[in-house]
Amino acid sequence: MIITNREEVIDKAFGVFVRMNYEKASIITLARACGLTKTGIVYYFPHKLDLFMAVADKYVLQMHCDCVRLAIVPVRWRSSSGNTWRG
């Protein structure tokens, strides 16, 4: 499968970085995972660090948003004294 946009490259690269760490994941390995040549991936991300930062931005931000969304869900419980607390 050939990748045709930047977001798809980021998604495929995430899988590579999860399986390997940043140091072990070569630009060639990342390109192959995307069905691209080295030149093809460099078109989107000139340096491996640029790609890694894009992956981190997307997935860390996504996790942060999910955590914030969970944190603002109202919590209700009733204590043994019968008082209701709402947070």
Protein backbone atom coordinates (compact mmCIF):
# COMPACT_ATOMS: atom_id res chain seq x y z
CA MET A 1 0.00 0.00 0.00
CA ILE A 2 1.35 3.40 -0.95
CA ILE A 3 0.90 6.30 1.42
CA THR A 4 -0.37 9.48 -0.18
CA ASN A 5 -0.50 12.04 2.60
CA ARG A 6 1.34 13.34 5.64
CA GLU A 7 -1.17 12.00 8.20
CA GLU A 8 -0.83 8.47 6.86
CA VAL A 9 2.96 8.74 7.16
CA ILE A 10 2.58 9.85 10.79
CA ASP A 11 0.23 6.95 11.55
CA LYS A 12 2.52 4.34 9.97
CA ALA A 13 5.58 5.86 11.64
CA PHE A 14 3.85 5.62 15.02
CA GLY A 15 3.67 1.84 14.58
CA VAL A 16 7.37 1.68 13.70
CA PHE A 17 8.39 3.82 16.68
CA VAL A 18 6.26 1.62 18.97
CA ARG A 19 7.92 -1.58 17.71
CA MET A 20 11.40 -0.08 17.65
CA ASN A 21 12.73 2.88 19.51
CA TYR A 22 13.75 6.15 17.89
CA GLU A 23 17.40 5.15 17.66
CA LYS A 24 16.74 1.81 15.93
CA ALA A 25 14.11 3.07 13.48
CA SER A 26 16.00 4.15 10.38
CA ILE A 27 14.54 6.50 7.80
CA ILE A 28 14.65 3.55 5.36
CA THR A 29 12.64 1.37 7.77
CA LEU A 30 10.12 4.17 8.22
CA ALA A 31 9.88 4.69 4.46
CA ARG A 32 9.32 0.96 3.81
CA ALA A 33 6.56 0.86 6.43
CA CYS A 34 4.85 3.63 4.48
CA GLY A 35 5.42 2.03 1.08
CA LEU A 36 7.68 4.93 0.12
CA THR A 37 11.27 5.40 -0.88
CA LYS A 38 13.65 7.38 1.29
CA THR A 39 13.11 10.33 -1.06
CA GLY A 40 9.35 9.92 -0.71
CA ILE A 41 9.37 10.13 3.08
CA VAL A 42 11.90 12.99 3.06
CA TYR A 43 9.40 14.91 0.91
CA TYR A 44 7.08 14.98 3.94
CA PHE A 45 9.72 15.04 6.69
CA PRO A 46 13.27 16.14 5.85
CA HIS A 47 14.70 14.59 9.05
CA LYS A 48 13.77 11.61 11.19
CA LEU A 49 13.44 13.95 14.18
CA ASP A 50 10.82 15.99 12.30
CA LEU A 51 8.77 12.84 11.78
CA PHE A 52 9.21 11.73 15.38
CA MET A 53 8.09 15.14 16.64
CA ALA A 54 5.00 15.00 14.40
CA VAL A 55 4.16 11.54 15.76
CA ALA A 56 4.67 12.71 19.34
CA ASP A 57 2.61 15.85 18.75
CA LYS A 58 -0.29 13.86 17.33
CA TYR A 59 -0.38 11.00 19.80
CA VAL A 60 0.68 12.81 22.98
CA LEU A 61 -1.80 15.59 22.27
CA GLN A 62 -4.48 12.98 21.60
CA MET A 63 -3.72 11.24 24.91
CA HIS A 64 -3.74 14.58 26.72
CA CYS A 65 -7.15 15.47 25.27
CA ASP A 66 -8.52 12.05 26.24
CA CYS A 67 -7.22 12.47 29.80
CA VAL A 68 -8.66 15.96 30.11
CA ARG A 69 -12.00 14.73 28.81
CA LEU A 70 -11.99 11.97 31.43
CA ALA A 71 -10.95 14.37 34.19
CA ILE A 72 -13.89 16.70 33.64
CA VAL A 73 -16.54 13.99 33.81
CA PRO A 74 -18.53 14.71 36.99
CA VAL A 75 -17.97 12.20 39.74
CA ARG A 76 -20.69 11.50 42.28
CA TRP A 77 -20.55 9.31 45.32
CA ARG A 78 -22.35 9.08 48.59
CA SER A 79 -20.35 8.83 51.79
CA SER A 80 -21.33 6.55 54.65
CA SER A 81 -22.77 9.60 56.46
CA GLY A 82 -25.18 10.18 53.58
CA ASN A 83 -23.47 13.30 52.23
CA THR A 84 -23.19 13.53 48.50
CA TRP A 85 -19.95 14.80 47.04
CA ARG A 86 -19.72 16.06 43.52
CA GLY A 87 -16.40 16.80 41.87
